[in-house]
Amino acid sequence: MRKFLPWIIVAVVVFFIYLWVKGINNTAVSLNENIRESWGNVETAYQRRNDLIGNLVNTVKGAAEFEKGTLTAVIEARSKATSTTIDPTNITPEQLAEFSKAQSGVSSALSRLLVTVEAYPDLKANANFLKLQDELASTENQILTSRTRFNEAVKPYNNHVLTFPNSLFAGMFGFKEKAYFEATEGAEKPVEVKF
């Protein structure tokens, strides 16, 4: 029995190391899937906004003839925003910055559109326009919530893959730090609304 005791100890130690490394990997996989789900929710919220923009533009176009530049800016911003995509398995700060910039363009164009519409009392009273305006406000809140939940999903993942000794094995398994969704440049300044 003494002859096999060192082999038994080695086997037990190897088995526990295997379980520990397996736990690191499986936890990282689970947390990464939470991030992918959260990112899907962010994209869904932005897609909802982009879908509503088409309806809003058509409603406004049908109810009033106004500055074509504003309408064109909204359409172009929407097009640019829908063409920017991110792979949720490899989110980098640069990709998030590009995505945020495109979405910021949509927000800016929408603000100009809504301010321009203020000059058209018939349009403001249009029930379809008012409903779309409410839907856009609701969607902006959903986007904020989705981005917040995405950041909440990134934090435990980053904590898991960056803390020692997990960081030794996480890198070997291909798990890298994920970027947080950050505010666009200049977001700390108040928005100036002109009528």
Foldseek 3Di string as FASTA:
>chain_A
DVVCVVVVVVVVVVVVVVVVLVVLVVVLVVLLVLLVVLVVLLVVLLVLLLVLLVVLLVLDVVPDDDDVVLSVQLVVLSVLLVVQDDDSNDADPVSLLSNQVSVVSNVVSVLVVVLRCVVPVVSVPDPSNVVSVVVNVVSVVSNVVSLVSSQVSLVVSQVSCVDPPNVVSCVVVPHDRHDHNDHHPPPVDDDDRDD
